Each structure stands twice: as C-alpha cells, then as structure tokens.
Amino acid sequence: MARDRQLDLDLHVDESLEPSDRTLQQVAAAVQRKGFTGKCSAAIAANLVGATRG
C-alpha cells in the first residue's frame, strides 16, 4: 500500500532479549523483496519481560 501510494514507512518493531531474534533483518528483507524504494525507518522496542535486575 505504501509503495503504491509513494509513502514512506515508519515501523515500530518489538524485539526480545533473545540473541537469535532477527526481526529487524526480516523487516529489511521484506522491504527489499517487495521492491519498496521510499524511506524506511524502524524503531525497536525491546521486550524486557524476564530481564533480571543487576
């Protein structure tokens, strides 16, 4: 939809503390796969559930 309307993307992505999570990489791959050529920003919100206090 954004590509067809020539709009930019502003995404908010949830991440966990799991090192194997690759959500941002998956978002970037999808943007490229769909042929999106506009601006794309992604803010990451870390899921701190289960984090231990130091």
PDB file of N, CA and C in Angstrom:
ATOM      1  N   MET A   1       0.826  -1.176   0.000  1.00  0.00           N
ATOM      2  CA  MET A   1       0.000   0.000   0.000  1.00  0.00           C
ATOM      3  C   MET A   1       0.882   1.256   0.000  1.00  0.00           C
ATOM      4  N   ALA A   2       1.879   1.305   0.882  1.00  0.00           N
ATOM      5  CA  ALA A   2       2.756   2.482   0.950  1.00  0.00           C
ATOM      6  C   ALA A   2       3.498   2.665  -0.369  1.00  0.00           C
ATOM      7  N   ARG A   3       3.982   1.565  -0.940  1.00  0.00           N
ATOM      8  CA  ARG A   3       4.700   1.655  -2.215  1.00  0.00           C
ATOM      9  C   ARG A   3       3.794   2.210  -3.296  1.00  0.00           C
ATOM     10  N   ASP A   4       2.569   1.701  -3.382  1.00  0.00           N
ATOM     11  CA  ASP A   4       1.643   2.139  -4.423  1.00  0.00           C
ATOM     12  C   ASP A   4       1.257   3.602  -4.276  1.00  0.00           C
ATOM     13  N   ARG A   5       1.246   4.089  -3.061  1.00  0.00           N
ATOM     14  CA  ARG A   5       0.864   5.492  -2.801  1.00  0.00           C
ATOM     15  C   ARG A   5       2.071   6.409  -2.626  1.00  0.00           C
ATOM     16  N   GLN A   6       3.262   5.867  -2.845  1.00  0.00           N
ATOM     17  CA  GLN A   6       4.521   6.609  -2.737  1.00  0.00           C
ATOM     18  C   GLN A   6       4.687   7.255  -1.357  1.00  0.00           C
ATOM     19  N   LEU A   7       4.403   6.465  -0.323  1.00  0.00           N
ATOM     20  CA  LEU A   7       4.559   6.914   1.058  1.00  0.00           C
ATOM     21  C   LEU A   7       5.795   6.268   1.669  1.00  0.00           C
ATOM     22  N   ASP A   8       6.355   6.892   2.677  1.00  0.00           N
ATOM     23  CA  ASP A   8       7.468   6.322   3.416  1.00  0.00           C
ATOM     24  C   ASP A   8       6.941   5.417   4.529  1.00  0.00           C
ATOM     25  N   LEU A   9       7.820   4.592   5.080  1.00  0.00           N
ATOM     26  CA  LEU A   9       7.459   3.685   6.173  1.00  0.00           C
ATOM     27  C   LEU A   9       8.111   4.134   7.470  1.00  0.00           C
ATOM     28  N   ASP A  10       7.368   4.096   8.552  1.00  0.00           N
ATOM     29  CA  ASP A  10       7.885   4.334   9.902  1.00  0.00           C
ATOM     30  C   ASP A  10       7.369   3.183  10.752  1.00  0.00           C
ATOM     31  N   LEU A  11       8.231   2.219  11.013  1.00  0.00           N
ATOM     32  CA  LEU A  11       7.826   0.991  11.681  1.00  0.00           C
ATOM     33  C   LEU A  11       8.317   0.956  13.121  1.00  0.00           C
ATOM     34  N   HIS A  12       7.560   0.300  13.952  1.00  0.00           N
ATOM     35  CA  HIS A  12       7.930   0.074  15.347  1.00  0.00           C
ATOM     36  C   HIS A  12       7.956  -1.433  15.551  1.00  0.00           C
ATOM     37  N   VAL A  13       9.135  -1.958  15.855  1.00  0.00           N
ATOM     38  CA  VAL A  13       9.360  -3.391  15.877  1.00  0.00           C
ATOM     39  C   VAL A  13       9.639  -3.840  17.308  1.00  0.00           C
ATOM     40  N   ASP A  14       8.935  -4.863  17.754  1.00  0.00           N
ATOM     41  CA  ASP A  14       9.182  -5.421  19.082  1.00  0.00           C
ATOM     42  C   ASP A  14      10.271  -6.477  19.000  1.00  0.00           C
ATOM     43  N   GLU A  15      11.223  -6.409  19.892  1.00  0.00           N
ATOM     44  CA  GLU A  15      12.290  -7.390  19.998  1.00  0.00           C
ATOM     45  C   GLU A  15      12.291  -7.956  21.404  1.00  0.00           C
ATOM     46  N   SER A  16      12.868  -9.108  21.543  1.00  0.00           N
ATOM     47  CA  SER A  16      13.068  -9.693  22.870  1.00  0.00           C
ATOM     48  C   SER A  16      14.558  -9.627  23.176  1.00  0.00           C
ATOM     49  N   LEU A  17      14.951 -10.178  24.285  1.00  0.00           N
ATOM     50  CA  LEU A  17      16.366 -10.228  24.635  1.00  0.00           C
ATOM     51  C   LEU A  17      17.036 -11.486  24.082  1.00  0.00           C
ATOM     52  N   GLU A  18      16.326 -12.233  23.281  1.00  0.00           N
ATOM     53  CA  GLU A  18      16.846 -13.466  22.692  1.00  0.00           C
ATOM     54  C   GLU A  18      17.813 -13.121  21.547  1.00  0.00           C
ATOM     55  N   PRO A  19      19.084 -13.489  21.662  1.00  0.00           N
ATOM     56  CA  PRO A  19      20.069 -13.139  20.631  1.00  0.00           C
ATOM     57  C   PRO A  19      19.749 -13.673  19.242  1.00  0.00           C
ATOM     58  N   SER A  20      18.973 -14.745  19.165  1.00  0.00           N
ATOM     59  CA  SER A  20      18.667 -15.321  17.856  1.00  0.00           C
ATOM     60  C   SER A  20      17.533 -14.587  17.128  1.00  0.00           C
ATOM     61  N   ASP A  21      16.853 -13.659  17.788  1.00  0.00           N
ATOM     62  CA  ASP A  21      15.802 -12.888  17.125  1.00  0.00           C
ATOM     63  C   ASP A  21      16.413 -12.041  16.018  1.00  0.00           C
ATOM     64  N   ARG A  22      15.781 -12.044  14.888  1.00  0.00           N
ATOM     65  CA  ARG A  22      16.275 -11.308  13.730  1.00  0.00           C
ATOM     66  C   ARG A  22      15.150 -10.486  13.096  1.00  0.00           C
ATOM     67  N   THR A  23      14.312  -9.911  13.935  1.00  0.00           N
ATOM     68  CA  THR A  23      13.130  -9.213  13.446  1.00  0.00           C
ATOM     69  C   THR A  23      13.490  -8.065  12.515  1.00  0.00           C
ATOM     70  N   LEU A  24      14.452  -7.249  12.891  1.00  0.00           N
ATOM     71  CA  LEU A  24      14.819  -6.106  12.056  1.00  0.00           C
ATOM     72  C   LEU A  24      15.374  -6.569  10.710  1.00  0.00           C
ATOM     73  N   GLN A  25      16.147  -7.634  10.711  1.00  0.00           N
ATOM     74  CA  GLN A  25      16.651  -8.183   9.450  1.00  0.00           C
ATOM     75  C   GLN A  25      15.508  -8.696   8.579  1.00  0.00           C
ATOM     76  N   GLN A  26      14.501  -9.295   9.201  1.00  0.00           N
ATOM     77  CA  GLN A  26      13.347  -9.787   8.453  1.00  0.00           C
ATOM     78  C   GLN A  26      12.555  -8.629   7.850  1.00  0.00           C
ATOM     79  N   VAL A  27      12.439  -7.540   8.592  1.00  0.00           N
ATOM     80  CA  VAL A  27      11.746  -6.353   8.074  1.00  0.00           C
ATOM     81  C   VAL A  27      12.498  -5.804   6.857  1.00  0.00           C
ATOM     82  N   ALA A  28      13.824  -5.681   6.979  1.00  0.00           N
ATOM     83  CA  ALA A  28      14.633  -5.161   5.872  1.00  0.00           C
ATOM     84  C   ALA A  28      14.513  -6.049   4.634  1.00  0.00           C
ATOM     85  N   ALA A  29      14.532  -7.352   4.828  1.00  0.00           N
ATOM     86  CA  ALA A  29      14.411  -8.282   3.708  1.00  0.00           C
ATOM     87  C   ALA A  29      13.042  -8.145   3.033  1.00  0.00           C
ATOM     88  N   ALA A  30      11.991  -7.977   3.817  1.00  0.00           N
ATOM     89  CA  ALA A  30      10.645  -7.826   3.256  1.00  0.00           C
ATOM     90  C   ALA A  30      10.528  -6.530   2.458  1.00  0.00           C
ATOM     91  N   VAL A  31      11.122  -5.459   2.976  1.00  0.00           N
ATOM     92  CA  VAL A  31      11.091  -4.164   2.275  1.00  0.00           C
ATOM     93  C   VAL A  31      11.759  -4.315   0.910  1.00  0.00           C
ATOM     94  N   GLN A  32      12.905  -4.968   0.872  1.00  0.00           N
ATOM     95  CA  GLN A  32      13.612  -5.166  -0.395  1.00  0.00           C
ATOM     96  C   GLN A  32      12.843  -6.109  -1.316  1.00  0.00           C
ATOM     97  N   ARG A  33      12.319  -7.184  -0.765  1.00  0.00           N
ATOM     98  CA  ARG A  33      11.590  -8.185  -1.557  1.00  0.00           C
ATOM     99  C   ARG A  33      10.364  -7.578  -2.236  1.00  0.00           C
ATOM    100  N   LYS A  34       9.713  -6.650  -1.540  1.00  0.00           N
ATOM    101  CA  LYS A  34       8.513  -6.009  -2.087  1.00  0.00           C
ATOM    102  C   LYS A  34       8.836  -4.873  -3.061  1.00  0.00           C
ATOM    103  N   GLY A  35      10.127  -4.562  -3.212  1.00  0.00           N
ATOM    104  CA  GLY A  35      10.513  -3.526  -4.155  1.00  0.00           C
ATOM    105  C   GLY A  35      10.241  -2.117  -3.665  1.00  0.00           C
ATOM    106  N   PHE A  36      10.192  -1.944  -2.347  1.00  0.00           N
ATOM    107  CA  PHE A  36       9.926  -0.624  -1.783  1.00  0.00           C
ATOM    108  C   PHE A  36      11.163   0.251  -1.949  1.00  0.00           C
ATOM    109  N   THR A  37      10.996   1.446  -2.509  1.00  0.00           N
ATOM    110  CA  THR A  37      12.138   2.330  -2.756  1.00  0.00           C
ATOM    111  C   THR A  37      12.060   3.632  -1.959  1.00  0.00           C
ATOM    112  N   GLY A  38      11.014   3.805  -1.170  1.00  0.00           N
ATOM    113  CA  GLY A  38      10.892   5.003  -0.340  1.00  0.00           C
ATOM    114  C   GLY A  38      11.748   4.897   0.909  1.00  0.00           C
ATOM    115  N   LYS A  39      11.639   5.886   1.761  1.00  0.00           N
ATOM    116  CA  LYS A  39      12.373   5.867   3.028  1.00  0.00           C
ATOM    117  C   LYS A  39      11.704   4.888   3.984  1.00  0.00           C
ATOM    118  N   CYS A  40      12.523   4.229   4.782  1.00  0.00           N
ATOM    119  CA  CYS A  40      12.011   3.275   5.758  1.00  0.00           C
ATOM    120  C   CYS A  40      12.794   3.426   7.051  1.00  0.00           C
ATOM    121  N   SER A  41      12.108   3.745   8.125  1.00  0.00           N
ATOM    122  CA  SER A  41      12.756   3.805   9.432  1.00  0.00           C
ATOM    123  C   SER A  41      12.084   2.777  10.334  1.00  0.00           C
ATOM    124  N   ALA A  42      12.867   2.253  11.266  1.00  0.00           N
ATOM    125  CA  ALA A  42      12.334   1.249  12.185  1.00  0.00           C
ATOM    126  C   ALA A  42      12.885   1.515  13.578  1.00  0.00           C
ATOM    127  N   ALA A  43      12.001   1.781  14.500  1.00  0.00           N
ATOM    128  CA  ALA A  43      12.385   1.939  15.903  1.00  0.00           C
ATOM    129  C   ALA A  43      12.152   0.598  16.586  1.00  0.00           C
ATOM    130  N   ILE A  44      13.071   0.223  17.420  1.00  0.00           N
ATOM    131  CA  ILE A  44      12.969  -1.076  18.088  1.00  0.00           C
ATOM    132  C   ILE A  44      12.571  -0.883  19.539  1.00  0.00           C
ATOM    133  N   ALA A  45      11.540  -1.591  19.927  1.00  0.00           N
ATOM    134  CA  ALA A  45      11.108  -1.607  21.320  1.00  0.00           C
ATOM    135  C   ALA A  45      11.511  -2.958  21.891  1.00  0.00           C
ATOM    136  N   ALA A  46      12.374  -2.953  22.865  1.00  0.00           N
ATOM    137  CA  ALA A  46      12.846  -4.203  23.457  1.00  0.00           C
ATOM    138  C   ALA A  46      11.851  -4.702  24.493  1.00  0.00           C
ATOM    139  N   ASN A  47      11.558  -5.971  24.426  1.00  0.00           N
ATOM    140  CA  ASN A  47      10.695  -6.620  25.394  1.00  0.00           C
ATOM    141  C   ASN A  47      11.558  -6.996  26.589  1.00  0.00           C
ATOM    142  N   LEU A  48      11.356  -6.341  27.707  1.00  0.00           N
ATOM    143  CA  LEU A  48      12.192  -6.580  28.878  1.00  0.00           C
ATOM    144  C   LEU A  48      11.586  -7.564  29.866  1.00  0.00           C
ATOM    145  N   VAL A  49      10.511  -8.223  29.474  1.00  0.00           N
ATOM    146  CA  VAL A  49       9.913  -9.224  30.345  1.00  0.00           C
ATOM    147  C   VAL A  49      10.933 -10.340  30.549  1.00  0.00           C
ATOM    148  N   GLY A  50      11.175 -10.664  31.774  1.00  0.00           N
ATOM    149  CA  GLY A  50      12.132 -11.706  32.102  1.00  0.00           C
ATOM    150  C   GLY A  50      13.541 -11.198  32.308  1.00  0.00           C
ATOM    151  N   ALA A  51      13.754  -9.910  32.088  1.00  0.00           N
ATOM    152  CA  ALA A  51      15.098  -9.346  32.315  1.00  0.00           C
ATOM    153  C   ALA A  51      15.379  -9.335  33.815  1.00  0.00           C
ATOM    154  N   THR A  52      16.596  -9.571  34.150  1.00  0.00           N
ATOM    155  CA  THR A  52      16.958  -9.561  35.571  1.00  0.00           C
ATOM    156  C   THR A  52      17.566  -8.219  35.949  1.00  0.00           C
ATOM    157  N   ARG A  53      17.348  -7.845  37.186  1.00  0.00           N
ATOM    158  CA  ARG A  53      17.936  -6.593  37.676  1.00  0.00           C
ATOM    159  C   ARG A  53      19.352  -6.863  38.135  1.00  0.00           C
ATOM    160  N   GLY A  54      20.223  -5.879  37.880  1.00  0.00           N
ATOM    161  CA  GLY A  54      21.629  -6.049  38.201  1.00  0.00           C
ATOM    162  C   GLY A  54      22.033  -5.669  39.555  1.00  0.00           C
TER     163      GLY A  54
END
